[in-house]
Amino acid sequence: MVAALIITIVFAATFIVPGGNGSAKGTPIFLHKPSFIVRRFFGVLVEEVNHWASHLVLSIASIMFPLLVEMISSTYGSSILQPSDSPEEQQRNTLL
């Protein structure tokens, strides 16, 4: 829950211009201030890191998924993927 809140705030902060926009042209008020330039630099840097991190997570997940399927099928067999028999059929099978 806390992580979702942090992600939401960080996501919103990437689109909000510090100091707001000028009313006449719509350009950022702090456009030529060093703090604004530093913030934009780190904003772009964070976006790139997030881009690469998401690719890394998807790559690892695509590699690990077949192993997960193999682990589940070897533990539970194919019965986890097939519907179970009705109680009557299970009782009949045990009597045979």
PDB file of N, CA and C in Angstrom:
ATOM      1  N   MET A   1       0.816  -1.185   0.000  1.00  0.00           N
ATOM      2  CA  MET A   1       0.000   0.000   0.000  1.00  0.00           C
ATOM      3  C   MET A   1       0.869   1.262   0.000  1.00  0.00           C
ATOM      4  N   VAL A   2       1.901   1.247   0.819  1.00  0.00           N
ATOM      5  CA  VAL A   2       2.806   2.396   0.870  1.00  0.00           C
ATOM      6  C   VAL A   2       3.564   2.525  -0.445  1.00  0.00           C
ATOM      7  N   ALA A   3       3.960   1.387  -1.016  1.00  0.00           N
ATOM      8  CA  ALA A   3       4.680   1.423  -2.291  1.00  0.00           C
ATOM      9  C   ALA A   3       3.812   2.023  -3.393  1.00  0.00           C
ATOM     10  N   ALA A   4       2.535   1.674  -3.403  1.00  0.00           N
ATOM     11  CA  ALA A   4       1.631   2.232  -4.413  1.00  0.00           C
ATOM     12  C   ALA A   4       1.496   3.741  -4.255  1.00  0.00           C
ATOM     13  N   LEU A   5       1.456   4.212  -3.025  1.00  0.00           N
ATOM     14  CA  LEU A   5       1.378   5.649  -2.777  1.00  0.00           C
ATOM     15  C   LEU A   5       2.650   6.360  -3.242  1.00  0.00           C
ATOM     16  N   ILE A   6       3.801   5.768  -2.953  1.00  0.00           N
ATOM     17  CA  ILE A   6       5.075   6.365  -3.374  1.00  0.00           C
ATOM     18  C   ILE A   6       5.173   6.400  -4.893  1.00  0.00           C
ATOM     19  N   ILE A   7       4.785   5.326  -5.538  1.00  0.00           N
ATOM     20  CA  ILE A   7       4.832   5.276  -7.002  1.00  0.00           C
ATOM     21  C   ILE A   7       3.915   6.330  -7.605  1.00  0.00           C
ATOM     22  N   THR A   8       2.725   6.504  -7.027  1.00  0.00           N
ATOM     23  CA  THR A   8       1.783   7.501  -7.529  1.00  0.00           C
ATOM     24  C   THR A   8       2.353   8.909  -7.410  1.00  0.00           C
ATOM     25  N   ILE A   9       2.975   9.206  -6.287  1.00  0.00           N
ATOM     26  CA  ILE A   9       3.545  10.539  -6.080  1.00  0.00           C
ATOM     27  C   ILE A   9       4.705  10.785  -7.033  1.00  0.00           C
ATOM     28  N   VAL A  10       5.567   9.799  -7.197  1.00  0.00           N
ATOM     29  CA  VAL A  10       6.708   9.951  -8.103  1.00  0.00           C
ATOM     30  C   VAL A  10       6.232  10.101  -9.546  1.00  0.00           C
ATOM     31  N   PHE A  11       5.216   9.334  -9.924  1.00  0.00           N
ATOM     32  CA  PHE A  11       4.677   9.426 -11.285  1.00  0.00           C
ATOM     33  C   PHE A  11       4.099  10.814 -11.530  1.00  0.00           C
ATOM     34  N   ALA A  12       3.345  11.328 -10.565  1.00  0.00           N
ATOM     35  CA  ALA A  12       2.766  12.663 -10.720  1.00  0.00           C
ATOM     36  C   ALA A  12       3.848  13.732 -10.751  1.00  0.00           C
ATOM     37  N   ALA A  13       4.893  13.546  -9.977  1.00  0.00           N
ATOM     38  CA  ALA A  13       5.959  14.544  -9.919  1.00  0.00           C
ATOM     39  C   ALA A  13       6.730  14.650 -11.232  1.00  0.00           C
ATOM     40  N   THR A  14       6.715  13.612 -12.036  1.00  0.00           N
ATOM     41  CA  THR A  14       7.429  13.682 -13.314  1.00  0.00           C
ATOM     42  C   THR A  14       6.735  14.610 -14.298  1.00  0.00           C
ATOM     43  N   PHE A  15       5.437  14.873 -14.105  1.00  0.00           N
ATOM     44  CA  PHE A  15       4.697  15.718 -15.048  1.00  0.00           C
ATOM     45  C   PHE A  15       4.431  17.128 -14.529  1.00  0.00           C
ATOM     46  N   ILE A  16       4.673  17.362 -13.250  1.00  0.00           N
ATOM     47  CA  ILE A  16       4.428  18.674 -12.661  1.00  0.00           C
ATOM     48  C   ILE A  16       5.695  19.513 -12.791  1.00  0.00           C
ATOM     49  N   VAL A  17       5.553  20.709 -13.330  1.00  0.00           N
ATOM     50  CA  VAL A  17       6.685  21.613 -13.507  1.00  0.00           C
ATOM     51  C   VAL A  17       6.877  22.400 -12.217  1.00  0.00           C
ATOM     52  N   PRO A  18       8.083  22.383 -11.639  1.00  0.00           N
ATOM     53  CA  PRO A  18       8.311  23.134 -10.404  1.00  0.00           C
ATOM     54  C   PRO A  18       8.104  24.636 -10.631  1.00  0.00           C
ATOM     55  N   GLY A  19       7.345  25.262  -9.769  1.00  0.00           N
ATOM     56  CA  GLY A  19       7.091  26.694  -9.882  1.00  0.00           C
ATOM     57  C   GLY A  19       5.924  27.035 -10.780  1.00  0.00           C
ATOM     58  N   GLY A  20       5.428  26.081 -11.531  1.00  0.00           N
ATOM     59  CA  GLY A  20       4.295  26.330 -12.416  1.00  0.00           C
ATOM     60  C   GLY A  20       4.729  26.911 -13.745  1.00  0.00           C
ATOM     61  N   ASN A  21       3.754  27.239 -14.564  1.00  0.00           N
ATOM     62  CA  ASN A  21       4.008  27.800 -15.884  1.00  0.00           C
ATOM     63  C   ASN A  21       3.697  29.292 -15.878  1.00  0.00           C
ATOM     64  N   GLY A  22       4.412  30.026 -16.723  1.00  0.00           N
ATOM     65  CA  GLY A  22       4.122  31.448 -16.882  1.00  0.00           C
ATOM     66  C   GLY A  22       2.770  31.615 -17.557  1.00  0.00           C
ATOM     67  N   SER A  23       2.055  32.634 -17.198  1.00  0.00           N
ATOM     68  CA  SER A  23       0.698  32.792 -17.720  1.00  0.00           C
ATOM     69  C   SER A  23       0.676  33.240 -19.180  1.00  0.00           C
ATOM     70  N   ALA A  24       1.689  33.964 -19.636  1.00  0.00           N
ATOM     71  CA  ALA A  24       1.649  34.498 -20.990  1.00  0.00           C
ATOM     72  C   ALA A  24       1.975  33.444 -22.044  1.00  0.00           C
ATOM     73  N   LYS A  25       3.108  32.787 -21.926  1.00  0.00           N
ATOM     74  CA  LYS A  25       3.549  31.836 -22.952  1.00  0.00           C
ATOM     75  C   LYS A  25       3.384  30.383 -22.541  1.00  0.00           C
ATOM     76  N   GLY A  26       3.231  30.134 -21.266  1.00  0.00           N
ATOM     77  CA  GLY A  26       3.130  28.752 -20.803  1.00  0.00           C
ATOM     78  C   GLY A  26       4.468  28.091 -20.551  1.00  0.00           C
ATOM     79  N   THR A  27       5.543  28.856 -20.599  1.00  0.00           N
ATOM     80  CA  THR A  27       6.866  28.295 -20.314  1.00  0.00           C
ATOM     81  C   THR A  27       7.066  28.222 -18.797  1.00  0.00           C
ATOM     82  N   PRO A  28       7.865  27.294 -18.331  1.00  0.00           N
ATOM     83  CA  PRO A  28       8.105  27.179 -16.891  1.00  0.00           C
ATOM     84  C   PRO A  28       8.734  28.446 -16.323  1.00  0.00           C
ATOM     85  N   ILE A  29       8.301  28.816 -15.136  1.00  0.00           N
ATOM     86  CA  ILE A  29       8.814  30.033 -14.495  1.00  0.00           C
ATOM     87  C   ILE A  29      10.306  29.888 -14.169  1.00  0.00           C
ATOM     88  N   PHE A  30      10.702  28.714 -13.701  1.00  0.00           N
ATOM     89  CA  PHE A  30      12.097  28.487 -13.301  1.00  0.00           C
ATOM     90  C   PHE A  30      12.945  27.882 -14.428  1.00  0.00           C
ATOM     91  N   LEU A  31      12.587  28.147 -15.665  1.00  0.00           N
ATOM     92  CA  LEU A  31      13.253  27.507 -16.795  1.00  0.00           C
ATOM     93  C   LEU A  31      14.763  27.729 -16.808  1.00  0.00           C
ATOM     94  N   HIS A  32      15.218  28.905 -16.487  1.00  0.00           N
ATOM     95  CA  HIS A  32      16.652  29.214 -16.575  1.00  0.00           C
ATOM     96  C   HIS A  32      17.355  29.157 -15.227  1.00  0.00           C
ATOM     97  N   LYS A  33      16.695  28.663 -14.216  1.00  0.00           N
ATOM     98  CA  LYS A  33      17.319  28.514 -12.896  1.00  0.00           C
ATOM     99  C   LYS A  33      18.085  27.187 -12.852  1.00  0.00           C
ATOM    100  N   PRO A  34      19.234  27.170 -12.184  1.00  0.00           N
ATOM    101  CA  PRO A  34      20.024  25.931 -12.113  1.00  0.00           C
ATOM    102  C   PRO A  34      19.273  24.775 -11.447  1.00  0.00           C
ATOM    103  N   SER A  35      18.433  25.081 -10.460  1.00  0.00           N
ATOM    104  CA  SER A  35      17.705  24.009  -9.789  1.00  0.00           C
ATOM    105  C   SER A  35      16.720  23.321 -10.737  1.00  0.00           C
ATOM    106  N   PHE A  36      16.115  24.084 -11.643  1.00  0.00           N
ATOM    107  CA  PHE A  36      15.193  23.499 -12.615  1.00  0.00           C
ATOM    108  C   PHE A  36      15.939  22.603 -13.599  1.00  0.00           C
ATOM    109  N   ILE A  37      17.103  23.044 -14.029  1.00  0.00           N
ATOM    110  CA  ILE A  37      17.898  22.253 -14.975  1.00  0.00           C
ATOM    111  C   ILE A  37      18.352  20.944 -14.328  1.00  0.00           C
ATOM    112  N   VAL A  38      18.772  21.032 -13.059  1.00  0.00           N
ATOM    113  CA  VAL A  38      19.188  19.823 -12.342  1.00  0.00           C
ATOM    114  C   VAL A  38      18.015  18.872 -12.178  1.00  0.00           C
ATOM    115  N   ARG A  39      16.828  19.415 -11.834  1.00  0.00           N
ATOM    116  CA  ARG A  39      15.652  18.560 -11.663  1.00  0.00           C
ATOM    117  C   ARG A  39      15.273  17.871 -12.971  1.00  0.00           C
ATOM    118  N   ARG A  40      15.322  18.591 -14.070  1.00  0.00           N
ATOM    119  CA  ARG A  40      14.991  17.981 -15.367  1.00  0.00           C
ATOM    120  C   ARG A  40      16.003  16.896 -15.729  1.00  0.00           C
ATOM    121  N   PHE A  41      17.284  17.162 -15.424  1.00  0.00           N
ATOM    122  CA  PHE A  41      18.321  16.166 -15.711  1.00  0.00           C
ATOM    123  C   PHE A  41      18.038  14.881 -14.942  1.00  0.00           C
ATOM    124  N   PHE A  42      17.785  15.016 -13.631  1.00  0.00           N
ATOM    125  CA  PHE A  42      17.520  13.826 -12.835  1.00  0.00           C
ATOM    126  C   PHE A  42      16.182  13.190 -13.189  1.00  0.00           C
ATOM    127  N   GLY A  43      15.228  13.983 -13.630  1.00  0.00           N
ATOM    128  CA  GLY A  43      13.953  13.435 -14.087  1.00  0.00           C
ATOM    129  C   GLY A  43      14.134  12.529 -15.304  1.00  0.00           C
ATOM    130  N   VAL A  44      14.931  13.004 -16.260  1.00  0.00           N
ATOM    131  CA  VAL A  44      15.220  12.189 -17.453  1.00  0.00           C
ATOM    132  C   VAL A  44      16.023  10.953 -17.064  1.00  0.00           C
ATOM    133  N   LEU A  45      16.979  11.123 -16.160  1.00  0.00           N
ATOM    134  CA  LEU A  45      17.784   9.994 -15.700  1.00  0.00           C
ATOM    135  C   LEU A  45      16.912   8.921 -15.039  1.00  0.00           C
ATOM    136  N   VAL A  46      15.990   9.348 -14.183  1.00  0.00           N
ATOM    137  CA  VAL A  46      15.093   8.393 -13.517  1.00  0.00           C
ATOM    138  C   VAL A  46      14.204   7.684 -14.529  1.00  0.00           C
ATOM    139  N   GLU A  47      13.715   8.405 -15.527  1.00  0.00           N
ATOM    140  CA  GLU A  47      12.889   7.782 -16.565  1.00  0.00           C
ATOM    141  C   GLU A  47      13.672   6.696 -17.309  1.00  0.00           C
ATOM    142  N   GLU A  48      14.916   6.967 -17.632  1.00  0.00           N
ATOM    143  CA  GLU A  48      15.729   5.973 -18.337  1.00  0.00           C
ATOM    144  C   GLU A  48      16.015   4.758 -17.460  1.00  0.00           C
ATOM    145  N   VAL A  49      16.312   4.991 -16.188  1.00  0.00           N
ATOM    146  CA  VAL A  49      16.561   3.877 -15.273  1.00  0.00           C
ATOM    147  C   VAL A  49      15.306   3.023 -15.138  1.00  0.00           C
ATOM    148  N   ASN A  50      14.140   3.660 -15.028  1.00  0.00           N
ATOM    149  CA  ASN A  50      12.885   2.906 -14.946  1.00  0.00           C
ATOM    150  C   ASN A  50      12.645   2.103 -16.211  1.00  0.00           C
ATOM    151  N   HIS A  51      12.988   2.677 -17.340  1.00  0.00           N
ATOM    152  CA  HIS A  51      12.820   1.977 -18.616  1.00  0.00           C
ATOM    153  C   HIS A  51      13.679   0.716 -18.644  1.00  0.00           C
ATOM    154  N   TRP A  52      14.936   0.846 -18.282  1.00  0.00           N
ATOM    155  CA  TRP A  52      15.837  -0.309 -18.291  1.00  0.00           C
ATOM    156  C   TRP A  52      15.457  -1.322 -17.214  1.00  0.00           C
ATOM    157  N   ALA A  53      14.999  -0.834 -16.060  1.00  0.00           N
ATOM    158  CA  ALA A  53      14.598  -1.748 -14.981  1.00  0.00           C
ATOM    159  C   ALA A  53      13.385  -2.569 -15.392  1.00  0.00           C
ATOM    160  N   SER A  54      12.437  -1.946 -16.073  1.00  0.00           N
ATOM    161  CA  SER A  54      11.264  -2.701 -16.511  1.00  0.00           C
ATOM    162  C   SER A  54      11.651  -3.757 -17.543  1.00  0.00           C
ATOM    163  N   HIS A  55      12.575  -3.428 -18.423  1.00  0.00           N
ATOM    164  CA  HIS A  55      13.049  -4.427 -19.383  1.00  0.00           C
ATOM    165  C   HIS A  55      13.759  -5.579 -18.676  1.00  0.00           C
ATOM    166  N   LEU A  56      14.530  -5.261 -17.656  1.00  0.00           N
ATOM    167  CA  LEU A  56      15.231  -6.296 -16.903  1.00  0.00           C
ATOM    168  C   LEU A  56      14.245  -7.220 -16.197  1.00  0.00           C
ATOM    169  N   VAL A  57      13.230  -6.649 -15.563  1.00  0.00           N
ATOM    170  CA  VAL A  57      12.229  -7.455 -14.868  1.00  0.00           C
ATOM    171  C   VAL A  57      11.482  -8.348 -15.856  1.00  0.00           C
ATOM    172  N   LEU A  58      11.090  -7.804 -16.991  1.00  0.00           N
ATOM    173  CA  LEU A  58      10.382  -8.614 -17.990  1.00  0.00           C
ATOM    174  C   LEU A  58      11.277  -9.712 -18.559  1.00  0.00           C
ATOM    175  N   SER A  59      12.546  -9.426 -18.744  1.00  0.00           N
ATOM    176  CA  SER A  59      13.464 -10.446 -19.244  1.00  0.00           C
ATOM    177  C   SER A  59      13.624 -11.586 -18.247  1.00  0.00           C
ATOM    178  N   ILE A  60      13.808 -11.243 -16.985  1.00  0.00           N
ATOM    179  CA  ILE A  60      13.953 -12.277 -15.960  1.00  0.00           C
ATOM    180  C   ILE A  60      12.664 -13.077 -15.827  1.00  0.00           C
ATOM    181  N   ALA A  61      11.519 -12.396 -15.878  1.00  0.00           N
ATOM    182  CA  ALA A  61      10.236 -13.098 -15.769  1.00  0.00           C
ATOM    183  C   ALA A  61      10.032 -14.053 -16.944  1.00  0.00           C
ATOM    184  N   SER A  62      10.429 -13.644 -18.138  1.00  0.00           N
ATOM    185  CA  SER A  62      10.257 -14.530 -19.290  1.00  0.00           C
ATOM    186  C   SER A  62      11.185 -15.736 -19.214  1.00  0.00           C
ATOM    187  N   ILE A  63      12.332 -15.572 -18.580  1.00  0.00           N
ATOM    188  CA  ILE A  63      13.241 -16.702 -18.404  1.00  0.00           C
ATOM    189  C   ILE A  63      12.735 -17.646 -17.317  1.00  0.00           C
ATOM    190  N   MET A  64      12.195 -17.086 -16.240  1.00  0.00           N
ATOM    191  CA  MET A  64      11.787 -17.893 -15.089  1.00  0.00           C
ATOM    192  C   MET A  64      10.422 -18.546 -15.247  1.00  0.00           C
ATOM    193  N   PHE A  65       9.562 -18.019 -16.127  1.00  0.00           N
ATOM    194  CA  PHE A  65       8.210 -18.566 -16.247  1.00  0.00           C
ATOM    195  C   PHE A  65       8.195 -20.038 -16.636  1.00  0.00           C
ATOM    196  N   PRO A  66       8.973 -20.482 -17.640  1.00  0.00           N
ATOM    197  CA  PRO A  66       8.970 -21.916 -17.954  1.00  0.00           C
ATOM    198  C   PRO A  66       9.426 -22.778 -16.769  1.00  0.00           C
ATOM    199  N   LEU A  67      10.355 -22.258 -15.974  1.00  0.00           N
ATOM    200  CA  LEU A  67      10.788 -23.002 -14.792  1.00  0.00           C
ATOM    201  C   LEU A  67       9.676 -23.110 -13.760  1.00  0.00           C
ATOM    202  N   LEU A  68       8.892 -22.062 -13.612  1.00  0.00           N
ATOM    203  CA  LEU A  68       7.762 -22.090 -12.696  1.00  0.00           C
ATOM    204  C   LEU A  68       6.717 -23.099 -13.155  1.00  0.00           C
ATOM    205  N   VAL A  69       6.431 -23.118 -14.441  1.00  0.00           N
ATOM    206  CA  VAL A  69       5.466 -24.080 -14.975  1.00  0.00           C
ATOM    207  C   VAL A  69       5.969 -25.501 -14.769  1.00  0.00           C
ATOM    208  N   GLU A  70       7.244 -25.730 -14.999  1.00  0.00           N
ATOM    209  CA  GLU A  70       7.827 -27.057 -14.806  1.00  0.00           C
ATOM    210  C   GLU A  70       7.768 -27.474 -13.341  1.00  0.00           C
ATOM    211  N   MET A  71       8.050 -26.556 -12.430  1.00  0.00           N
ATOM    212  CA  MET A  71       8.007 -26.862 -11.007  1.00  0.00           C
ATOM    213  C   MET A  71       6.580 -27.225 -10.568  1.00  0.00           C
ATOM    214  N   ILE A  72       5.597 -26.465 -11.024  1.00  0.00           N
ATOM    215  CA  ILE A  72       4.206 -26.748 -10.646  1.00  0.00           C
ATOM    216  C   ILE A  72       3.742 -28.064 -11.236  1.00  0.00           C
ATOM    217  N   SER A  73       4.080 -28.309 -12.498  1.00  0.00           N
ATOM    218  CA  SER A  73       3.623 -29.559 -13.120  1.00  0.00           C
ATOM    219  C   SER A  73       4.333 -30.768 -12.531  1.00  0.00           C
ATOM    220  N   SER A  74       5.588 -30.630 -12.116  1.00  0.00           N
ATOM    221  CA  SER A  74       6.275 -31.769 -11.508  1.00  0.00           C
ATOM    222  C   SER A  74       5.793 -32.012 -10.078  1.00  0.00           C
ATOM    223  N   THR A  75       5.335 -30.970  -9.412  1.00  0.00           N
ATOM    224  CA  THR A  75       4.835 -31.124  -8.048  1.00  0.00           C
ATOM    225  C   THR A  75       3.415 -31.664  -8.028  1.00  0.00           C
ATOM    226  N   TYR A  76       2.555 -31.085  -8.830  1.00  0.00           N
ATOM    227  CA  TYR A  76       1.141 -31.445  -8.802  1.00  0.00           C
ATOM    228  C   TYR A  76       0.721 -32.330  -9.959  1.00  0.00           C
ATOM    229  N   GLY A  77       1.579 -32.510 -10.918  1.00  0.00           N
ATOM    230  CA  GLY A  77       1.233 -33.310 -12.087  1.00  0.00           C
ATOM    231  C   GLY A  77       0.307 -32.539 -13.007  1.00  0.00           C
ATOM    232  N   SER A  78      -0.267 -33.227 -13.933  1.00  0.00           N
ATOM    233  CA  SER A  78      -1.155 -32.554 -14.887  1.00  0.00           C
ATOM    234  C   SER A  78      -2.528 -32.306 -14.292  1.00  0.00           C
ATOM    235  N   SER A  79      -2.801 -32.805 -13.094  1.00  0.00           N
ATOM    236  CA  SER A  79      -4.130 -32.633 -12.512  1.00  0.00           C
ATOM    237  C   SER A  79      -4.427 -31.179 -12.176  1.00  0.00           C
ATOM    238  N   ILE A  80      -3.410 -30.352 -12.009  1.00  0.00           N
ATOM    239  CA  ILE A  80      -3.663 -28.955 -11.693  1.00  0.00           C
ATOM    240  C   ILE A  80      -4.220 -28.213 -12.898  1.00  0.00           C
ATOM    241  N   LEU A  81      -3.948 -28.699 -14.094  1.00  0.00           N
ATOM    242  CA  LEU A  81      -4.416 -28.039 -15.298  1.00  0.00           C
ATOM    243  C   LEU A  81      -5.711 -28.632 -15.836  1.00  0.00           C
ATOM    244  N   GLN A  82      -6.116 -29.764 -15.320  1.00  0.00           N
ATOM    245  CA  GLN A  82      -7.330 -30.419 -15.783  1.00  0.00           C
ATOM    246  C   GLN A  82      -8.388 -30.358 -14.690  1.00  0.00           C
ATOM    247  N   PRO A  83      -9.659 -30.277 -15.086  1.00  0.00           N
ATOM    248  CA  PRO A  83     -10.703 -30.265 -14.070  1.00  0.00           C
ATOM    249  C   PRO A  83     -10.762 -31.610 -13.348  1.00  0.00           C
ATOM    250  N   SER A  84     -11.059 -31.555 -12.066  1.00  0.00           N
ATOM    251  CA  SER A  84     -11.116 -32.795 -11.296  1.00  0.00           C
ATOM    252  C   SER A  84     -12.419 -33.535 -11.588  1.00  0.00           C
ATOM    253  N   ASP A  85     -12.400 -34.816 -11.323  1.00  0.00           N
ATOM    254  CA  ASP A  85     -13.588 -35.637 -11.520  1.00  0.00           C
ATOM    255  C   ASP A  85     -14.633 -35.266 -10.470  1.00  0.00           C
ATOM    256  N   SER A  86     -15.865 -35.576 -10.788  1.00  0.00           N
ATOM    257  CA  SER A  86     -16.927 -35.355  -9.816  1.00  0.00           C
ATOM    258  C   SER A  86     -16.746 -36.343  -8.656  1.00  0.00           C
ATOM    259  N   PRO A  87     -17.338 -36.091  -7.498  1.00  0.00           N
ATOM    260  CA  PRO A  87     -17.183 -37.005  -6.356  1.00  0.00           C
ATOM    261  C   PRO A  87     -17.649 -38.432  -6.669  1.00  0.00           C
ATOM    262  N   GLU A  88     -18.672 -38.579  -7.495  1.00  0.00           N
ATOM    263  CA  GLU A  88     -19.148 -39.915  -7.866  1.00  0.00           C
ATOM    264  C   GLU A  88     -18.103 -40.671  -8.676  1.00  0.00           C
ATOM    265  N   GLU A  89     -17.460 -39.948  -9.613  1.00  0.00           N
ATOM    266  CA  GLU A  89     -16.436 -40.593 -10.441  1.00  0.00           C
ATOM    267  C   GLU A  89     -15.209 -40.943  -9.608  1.00  0.00           C
ATOM    268  N   GLN A  90     -14.850 -40.100  -8.652  1.00  0.00           N
ATOM    269  CA  GLN A  90     -13.720 -40.410  -7.764  1.00  0.00           C
ATOM    270  C   GLN A  90     -13.997 -41.646  -6.939  1.00  0.00           C
ATOM    271  N   GLN A  91     -15.229 -41.777  -6.435  1.00  0.00           N
ATOM    272  CA  GLN A  91     -15.587 -42.949  -5.624  1.00  0.00           C
ATOM    273  C   GLN A  91     -15.574 -44.201  -6.503  1.00  0.00           C
ATOM    274  N   ARG A  92     -16.089 -44.121  -7.719  1.00  0.00           N
ATOM    275  CA  ARG A  92     -16.102 -45.251  -8.635  1.00  0.00           C
ATOM    276  C   ARG A  92     -14.680 -45.693  -8.971  1.00  0.00           C
ATOM    277  N   ASN A  93     -13.762 -44.715  -9.168  1.00  0.00           N
ATOM    278  CA  ASN A  93     -12.376 -45.039  -9.483  1.00  0.00           C
ATOM    279  C   ASN A  93     -11.662 -45.711  -8.315  1.00  0.00           C
ATOM    280  N   THR A  94     -11.989 -45.342  -7.092  1.00  0.00           N
ATOM    281  CA  THR A  94     -11.370 -45.966  -5.939  1.00  0.00           C
ATOM    282  C   THR A  94     -11.879 -47.393  -5.738  1.00  0.00           C
ATOM    283  N   LEU A  95     -13.128 -47.666  -6.141  1.00  0.00           N
ATOM    284  CA  LEU A  95     -13.694 -49.007  -5.995  1.00  0.00           C
ATOM    285  C   LEU A  95     -13.120 -49.971  -7.037  1.00  0.00           C
ATOM    286  N   LEU A  96     -12.682 -49.435  -8.164  1.00  0.00           N
ATOM    287  CA  LEU A  96     -12.137 -50.305  -9.225  1.00  0.00           C
ATOM    288  C   LEU A  96     -10.788 -50.743  -8.809  1.00  0.00           C
TER     289      LEU A  96
END
